[in-house]
Amino acid sequence: MSSSDQDRDALIDAASLLGSVGGTASVAALRQLLAASVDPEVRQVAALSIGVVGGEDAVHALTDALHVESCAATRARLVDALAYPGLQEATGVLRSVLRDTSEAPSVRGVAAESLGRLGSPEALDDLLAALSDPEPEIRFFAAYALGLLGSRDALDALSRVAGEDEASLAGFGSVADEAREAIEAITSDKA
């Protein structure tokens, strides 16, 4: 193993440890790591660790990093970390990412999923609009998120997608099947 691999592994271990320690000092150190590291994997672990710590400082650190990060995979991890439990104040940021058509579809898909995981009812209209997005990945995760939200207001739109959308997402399945699963989740939860 080269010295640079060892350094990278040490930074990843440190980022993970800081996430488990928690607190404002951990967020500050992880924020510095996000800004300073040239390795996307280190930045991704730092982002997820910030999400684990949680709190208002975490939302600010992740949002600030999202404004400057260019790597789509790292942007997706930042968005994913914004959906950790207790980060409800991140809903507005996630809704903005979902609506941003210049954003990578993979990042927008994670934003849709994250809104569902946060249980953000204020995102209902954004998720319903995402069911008509040209990108299958976004439609798939919007359907998934709507199933998590459990709002009967989504049933008509999900029924349309279940009957018409022929796209599939590699490794996940079809958009129509995901819409059907969301319908089932909504109707069984509300029965």
C-alpha atoms as a PDB file:
ATOM      1  CA  MET A   1       0.000   0.000   0.000  1.00  0.00           C
ATOM      2  CA  SER A   2       1.394   3.381  -0.978  1.00  0.00           C
ATOM      3  CA  SER A   3       1.852   6.274   1.397  1.00  0.00           C
ATOM      4  CA  SER A   4      -0.932   8.227  -0.341  1.00  0.00           C
ATOM      5  CA  ASP A   5      -3.332   5.278   0.044  1.00  0.00           C
ATOM      6  CA  GLN A   6      -2.459   5.088   3.738  1.00  0.00           C
ATOM      7  CA  ASP A   7      -3.035   8.827   4.098  1.00  0.00           C
ATOM      8  CA  ARG A   8      -6.394   8.545   2.357  1.00  0.00           C
ATOM      9  CA  ASP A   9      -7.421   5.603   4.521  1.00  0.00           C
ATOM     10  CA  ALA A  10      -6.376   7.503   7.649  1.00  0.00           C
ATOM     11  CA  LEU A  11      -8.492  10.501   6.596  1.00  0.00           C
ATOM     12  CA  ILE A  12     -11.475   8.252   5.920  1.00  0.00           C
ATOM     13  CA  ASP A  13     -11.069   6.609   9.325  1.00  0.00           C
ATOM     14  CA  ALA A  14     -10.756  10.022  10.995  1.00  0.00           C
ATOM     15  CA  ALA A  15     -13.894  11.296   9.241  1.00  0.00           C
ATOM     16  CA  SER A  16     -15.849   8.243  10.336  1.00  0.00           C
ATOM     17  CA  LEU A  17     -14.621   8.588  13.911  1.00  0.00           C
ATOM     18  CA  LEU A  18     -15.527  12.280  14.045  1.00  0.00           C
ATOM     19  CA  GLY A  19     -19.035  11.397  12.925  1.00  0.00           C
ATOM     20  CA  SER A  20     -19.415   8.934  15.777  1.00  0.00           C
ATOM     21  CA  VAL A  21     -17.986  11.391  18.343  1.00  0.00           C
ATOM     22  CA  GLY A  22     -20.412  14.137  17.315  1.00  0.00           C
ATOM     23  CA  GLY A  23     -20.702  17.726  18.458  1.00  0.00           C
ATOM     24  CA  THR A  24     -19.905  21.134  17.078  1.00  0.00           C
ATOM     25  CA  ALA A  25     -16.144  20.523  17.096  1.00  0.00           C
ATOM     26  CA  SER A  26     -16.597  17.406  14.955  1.00  0.00           C
ATOM     27  CA  VAL A  27     -18.698  19.303  12.431  1.00  0.00           C
ATOM     28  CA  ALA A  28     -16.063  22.040  12.253  1.00  0.00           C
ATOM     29  CA  ALA A  29     -13.267  19.516  11.641  1.00  0.00           C
ATOM     30  CA  LEU A  30     -15.333  17.622   9.075  1.00  0.00           C
ATOM     31  CA  ARG A  31     -16.213  20.886   7.325  1.00  0.00           C
ATOM     32  CA  GLN A  32     -12.484  21.615   6.993  1.00  0.00           C
ATOM     33  CA  LEU A  33     -11.905  18.137   5.612  1.00  0.00           C
ATOM     34  CA  LEU A  34     -14.674  18.665   3.050  1.00  0.00           C
ATOM     35  CA  ALA A  35     -13.060  21.906   1.928  1.00  0.00           C
ATOM     36  CA  ALA A  36      -9.449  20.719   1.927  1.00  0.00           C
ATOM     37  CA  SER A  37      -9.480  17.158   0.593  1.00  0.00           C
ATOM     38  CA  VAL A  38      -8.901  16.550  -3.094  1.00  0.00           C
ATOM     39  CA  ASP A  39     -10.114  12.955  -2.743  1.00  0.00           C
ATOM     40  CA  PRO A  40     -13.844  12.597  -3.510  1.00  0.00           C
ATOM     41  CA  GLU A  41     -14.120   9.485  -1.334  1.00  0.00           C
ATOM     42  CA  VAL A  42     -12.752  11.345   1.687  1.00  0.00           C
ATOM     43  CA  ARG A  43     -15.211  14.195   1.037  1.00  0.00           C
ATOM     44  CA  GLN A  44     -18.082  11.698   0.725  1.00  0.00           C
ATOM     45  CA  VAL A  45     -17.281  10.048   4.062  1.00  0.00           C
ATOM     46  CA  ALA A  46     -16.905  13.477   5.671  1.00  0.00           C
ATOM     47  CA  ALA A  47     -20.316  14.495   4.301  1.00  0.00           C
ATOM     48  CA  LEU A  48     -22.043  11.400   5.628  1.00  0.00           C
ATOM     49  CA  SER A  49     -20.322  11.829   9.003  1.00  0.00           C
ATOM     50  CA  ILE A  50     -21.621  15.396   9.219  1.00  0.00           C
ATOM     51  CA  GLY A  51     -25.112  14.046   8.598  1.00  0.00           C
ATOM     52  CA  VAL A  52     -24.644  11.525  11.391  1.00  0.00           C
ATOM     53  CA  VAL A  53     -23.668  14.315  13.801  1.00  0.00           C
ATOM     54  CA  GLY A  54     -26.781  16.271  12.810  1.00  0.00           C
ATOM     55  CA  GLY A  55     -28.022  19.624  14.032  1.00  0.00           C
ATOM     56  CA  GLU A  56     -28.137  23.093  12.595  1.00  0.00           C
ATOM     57  CA  ASP A  57     -24.334  23.272  12.197  1.00  0.00           C
ATOM     58  CA  ALA A  58     -24.469  20.105  10.100  1.00  0.00           C
ATOM     59  CA  VAL A  59     -27.130  21.510   7.780  1.00  0.00           C
ATOM     60  CA  HIS A  60     -25.070  24.668   7.252  1.00  0.00           C
ATOM     61  CA  ALA A  61     -21.860  22.710   6.639  1.00  0.00           C
ATOM     62  CA  LEU A  62     -23.512  20.382   4.133  1.00  0.00           C
ATOM     63  CA  THR A  63     -25.341  23.194   2.368  1.00  0.00           C
ATOM     64  CA  ASP A  64     -22.167  25.293   2.130  1.00  0.00           C
ATOM     65  CA  ALA A  65     -20.272  22.310   0.701  1.00  0.00           C
ATOM     66  CA  LEU A  66     -23.067  21.689  -1.808  1.00  0.00           C
ATOM     67  CA  HIS A  67     -22.561  25.214  -3.167  1.00  0.00           C
ATOM     68  CA  VAL A  68     -18.913  24.545  -4.062  1.00  0.00           C
ATOM     69  CA  GLU A  69     -18.717  20.792  -4.732  1.00  0.00           C
ATOM     70  CA  SER A  70     -18.399  19.832  -8.401  1.00  0.00           C
ATOM     71  CA  CYS A  71     -18.179  16.028  -8.218  1.00  0.00           C
ATOM     72  CA  ALA A  72     -21.663  14.569  -8.820  1.00  0.00           C
ATOM     73  CA  ALA A  73     -21.019  11.529  -6.612  1.00  0.00           C
ATOM     74  CA  THR A  74     -19.947  13.743  -3.724  1.00  0.00           C
ATOM     75  CA  ARG A  75     -22.900  16.087  -4.336  1.00  0.00           C
ATOM     76  CA  ALA A  76     -25.175  13.050  -4.075  1.00  0.00           C
ATOM     77  CA  ARG A  77     -23.604  12.104  -0.720  1.00  0.00           C
ATOM     78  CA  LEU A  78     -24.043  15.675   0.542  1.00  0.00           C
ATOM     79  CA  VAL A  79     -27.721  15.543  -0.420  1.00  0.00           C
ATOM     80  CA  ASP A  80     -28.068  12.092   1.132  1.00  0.00           C
ATOM     81  CA  ALA A  81     -26.508  13.344   4.373  1.00  0.00           C
ATOM     82  CA  LEU A  82     -29.039  16.185   4.523  1.00  0.00           C
ATOM     83  CA  ALA A  83     -31.753  13.570   5.067  1.00  0.00           C
ATOM     84  CA  TYR A  84     -30.351  12.089   8.245  1.00  0.00           C
ATOM     85  CA  PRO A  85     -32.823  11.999  11.139  1.00  0.00           C
ATOM     86  CA  GLY A  86     -33.237  15.315  12.861  1.00  0.00           C
ATOM     87  CA  LEU A  87     -32.264  17.444   9.873  1.00  0.00           C
ATOM     88  CA  GLN A  88     -35.806  18.545   8.969  1.00  0.00           C
ATOM     89  CA  GLU A  89     -34.536  22.080   8.372  1.00  0.00           C
ATOM     90  CA  ALA A  90     -32.798  20.737   5.238  1.00  0.00           C
ATOM     91  CA  THR A  91     -36.124  20.275   3.432  1.00  0.00           C
ATOM     92  CA  GLY A  92     -35.861  23.594   1.590  1.00  0.00           C
ATOM     93  CA  VAL A  93     -32.381  22.796   0.293  1.00  0.00           C
ATOM     94  CA  LEU A  94     -33.461  19.340  -0.844  1.00  0.00           C
ATOM     95  CA  ARG A  95     -36.503  20.754  -2.637  1.00  0.00           C
ATOM     96  CA  SER A  96     -34.246  23.239  -4.455  1.00  0.00           C
ATOM     97  CA  VAL A  97     -31.888  20.474  -5.557  1.00  0.00           C
ATOM     98  CA  LEU A  98     -34.806  18.369  -6.817  1.00  0.00           C
ATOM     99  CA  ARG A  99     -36.159  21.290  -8.884  1.00  0.00           C
ATOM    100  CA  ASP A 100     -32.744  22.256 -10.308  1.00  0.00           C
ATOM    101  CA  THR A 101     -32.770  20.817 -13.833  1.00  0.00           C
ATOM    102  CA  SER A 102     -29.091  21.724 -14.284  1.00  0.00           C
ATOM    103  CA  GLU A 103     -28.224  19.285 -11.471  1.00  0.00           C
ATOM    104  CA  ALA A 104     -27.134  15.727 -12.325  1.00  0.00           C
ATOM    105  CA  PRO A 105     -30.089  13.305 -12.404  1.00  0.00           C
ATOM    106  CA  SER A 106     -28.336  11.095  -9.843  1.00  0.00           C
ATOM    107  CA  VAL A 107     -28.193  14.003  -7.390  1.00  0.00           C
ATOM    108  CA  ARG A 108     -31.797  15.033  -8.052  1.00  0.00           C
ATOM    109  CA  GLY A 109     -32.889  11.425  -7.542  1.00  0.00           C
ATOM    110  CA  VAL A 110     -31.160  11.333  -4.173  1.00  0.00           C
ATOM    111  CA  ALA A 111     -32.877  14.618  -3.293  1.00  0.00           C
ATOM    112  CA  ALA A 112     -36.277  13.066  -4.063  1.00  0.00           C
ATOM    113  CA  GLU A 113     -35.481   9.982  -1.992  1.00  0.00           C
ATOM    114  CA  SER A 114     -34.171  12.163   0.841  1.00  0.00           C
ATOM    115  CA  LEU A 115     -37.371  14.195   0.942  1.00  0.00           C
ATOM    116  CA  GLY A 116     -39.307  10.969   1.371  1.00  0.00           C
ATOM    117  CA  ARG A 117     -36.969   9.754   4.097  1.00  0.00           C
ATOM    118  CA  LEU A 118     -37.400  13.037   5.952  1.00  0.00           C
ATOM    119  CA  GLY A 119     -41.174  12.682   5.617  1.00  0.00           C
ATOM    120  CA  SER A 120     -41.451  16.229   4.284  1.00  0.00           C
ATOM    121  CA  PRO A 121     -45.135  16.826   3.450  1.00  0.00           C
ATOM    122  CA  GLU A 122     -44.265  20.306   2.150  1.00  0.00           C
ATOM    123  CA  ALA A 123     -42.356  18.565  -0.669  1.00  0.00           C
ATOM    124  CA  LEU A 124     -45.501  16.868  -2.014  1.00  0.00           C
ATOM    125  CA  ASP A 125     -45.955  19.243  -4.964  1.00  0.00           C
ATOM    126  CA  ASP A 126     -42.265  19.032  -5.917  1.00  0.00           C
ATOM    127  CA  LEU A 127     -42.378  15.233  -5.818  1.00  0.00           C
ATOM    128  CA  LEU A 128     -45.580  15.137  -7.863  1.00  0.00           C
ATOM    129  CA  ALA A 129     -43.963  17.391 -10.474  1.00  0.00           C
ATOM    130  CA  ALA A 130     -40.895  15.122 -10.489  1.00  0.00           C
ATOM    131  CA  LEU A 131     -43.103  12.217 -11.635  1.00  0.00           C
ATOM    132  CA  SER A 132     -43.182  13.976 -15.030  1.00  0.00           C
ATOM    133  CA  ASP A 133     -39.439  14.626 -15.229  1.00  0.00           C
ATOM    134  CA  PRO A 134     -37.758  13.411 -18.434  1.00  0.00           C
ATOM    135  CA  GLU A 135     -35.210  11.425 -16.383  1.00  0.00           C
ATOM    136  CA  PRO A 136     -36.366   7.940 -15.259  1.00  0.00           C
ATOM    137  CA  GLU A 137     -34.111   8.079 -12.184  1.00  0.00           C
ATOM    138  CA  ILE A 138     -35.926  11.140 -10.904  1.00  0.00           C
ATOM    139  CA  ARG A 139     -39.373   9.687 -11.623  1.00  0.00           C
ATOM    140  CA  PHE A 140     -38.411   6.425  -9.880  1.00  0.00           C
ATOM    141  CA  PHE A 141     -37.210   8.089  -6.681  1.00  0.00           C
ATOM    142  CA  ALA A 142     -40.084  10.572  -6.690  1.00  0.00           C
ATOM    143  CA  ALA A 143     -42.481   7.609  -6.712  1.00  0.00           C
ATOM    144  CA  TYR A 144     -40.512   5.978  -3.909  1.00  0.00           C
ATOM    145  CA  ALA A 145     -40.572   9.188  -1.853  1.00  0.00           C
ATOM    146  CA  LEU A 146     -44.300   9.629  -2.386  1.00  0.00           C
ATOM    147  CA  GLY A 147     -44.831   6.125  -1.034  1.00  0.00           C
ATOM    148  CA  LEU A 148     -42.871   7.103   2.069  1.00  0.00           C
ATOM    149  CA  LEU A 149     -44.883  10.304   2.499  1.00  0.00           C
ATOM    150  CA  GLY A 150     -48.097   8.313   2.372  1.00  0.00           C
ATOM    151  CA  SER A 151     -50.301  11.119   1.071  1.00  0.00           C
ATOM    152  CA  ARG A 152     -53.479  10.031  -0.681  1.00  0.00           C
ATOM    153  CA  ASP A 153     -53.129  13.216  -2.756  1.00  0.00           C
ATOM    154  CA  ALA A 154     -50.433  11.386  -4.738  1.00  0.00           C
ATOM    155  CA  LEU A 155     -52.584   8.412  -5.746  1.00  0.00           C
ATOM    156  CA  ASP A 156     -53.891   9.780  -9.074  1.00  0.00           C
ATOM    157  CA  ALA A 157     -50.440  10.803 -10.293  1.00  0.00           C
ATOM    158  CA  LEU A 158     -48.908   7.524  -9.145  1.00  0.00           C
ATOM    159  CA  SER A 159     -51.682   5.571 -10.898  1.00  0.00           C
ATOM    160  CA  ARG A 160     -50.907   7.428 -14.131  1.00  0.00           C
ATOM    161  CA  VAL A 161     -47.196   6.582 -13.808  1.00  0.00           C
ATOM    162  CA  ALA A 162     -47.975   2.961 -12.919  1.00  0.00           C
ATOM    163  CA  GLY A 163     -50.038   2.612 -16.078  1.00  0.00           C
ATOM    164  CA  GLU A 164     -47.895   4.556 -18.538  1.00  0.00           C
ATOM    165  CA  ASP A 165     -44.216   4.727 -17.564  1.00  0.00           C
ATOM    166  CA  GLU A 166     -42.221   2.046 -19.348  1.00  0.00           C
ATOM    167  CA  ALA A 167     -38.760   3.172 -18.199  1.00  0.00           C
ATOM    168  CA  SER A 168     -36.534   1.112 -15.938  1.00  0.00           C
ATOM    169  CA  LEU A 169     -33.691   2.051 -13.656  1.00  0.00           C
ATOM    170  CA  ALA A 170     -30.752  -0.359 -13.762  1.00  0.00           C
ATOM    171  CA  GLY A 171     -30.401  -2.180 -10.474  1.00  0.00           C
ATOM    172  CA  PHE A 172     -33.736  -0.952  -9.148  1.00  0.00           C
ATOM    173  CA  GLY A 173     -36.517  -1.940 -11.541  1.00  0.00           C
ATOM    174  CA  SER A 174     -39.200  -0.143 -13.448  1.00  0.00           C
ATOM    175  CA  VAL A 175     -40.667   3.232 -12.677  1.00  0.00           C
ATOM    176  CA  ALA A 176     -44.163   1.760 -13.073  1.00  0.00           C
ATOM    177  CA  ASP A 177     -43.433  -0.973 -10.521  1.00  0.00           C
ATOM    178  CA  GLU A 178     -42.101   1.600  -8.062  1.00  0.00           C
ATOM    179  CA  ALA A 179     -45.257   3.666  -8.550  1.00  0.00           C
ATOM    180  CA  ARG A 180     -47.359   0.565  -7.870  1.00  0.00           C
ATOM    181  CA  GLU A 181     -45.366  -0.118  -4.690  1.00  0.00           C
ATOM    182  CA  ALA A 182     -45.928   3.477  -3.594  1.00  0.00           C
ATOM    183  CA  ILE A 183     -49.669   3.127  -4.200  1.00  0.00           C
ATOM    184  CA  GLU A 184     -49.683  -0.048  -2.130  1.00  0.00           C
ATOM    185  CA  ALA A 185     -47.750   1.653   0.682  1.00  0.00           C
ATOM    186  CA  ILE A 186     -50.141   4.595   0.711  1.00  0.00           C
ATOM    187  CA  THR A 187     -53.329   2.554   0.604  1.00  0.00           C
ATOM    188  CA  SER A 188     -52.183  -0.001   3.166  1.00  0.00           C
ATOM    189  CA  ASP A 189     -50.920   2.696   5.577  1.00  0.00           C
ATOM    190  CA  LYS A 190     -54.152   4.647   5.350  1.00  0.00           C
ATOM    191  CA  ALA A 191     -56.577   1.725   5.314  1.00  0.00           C
END
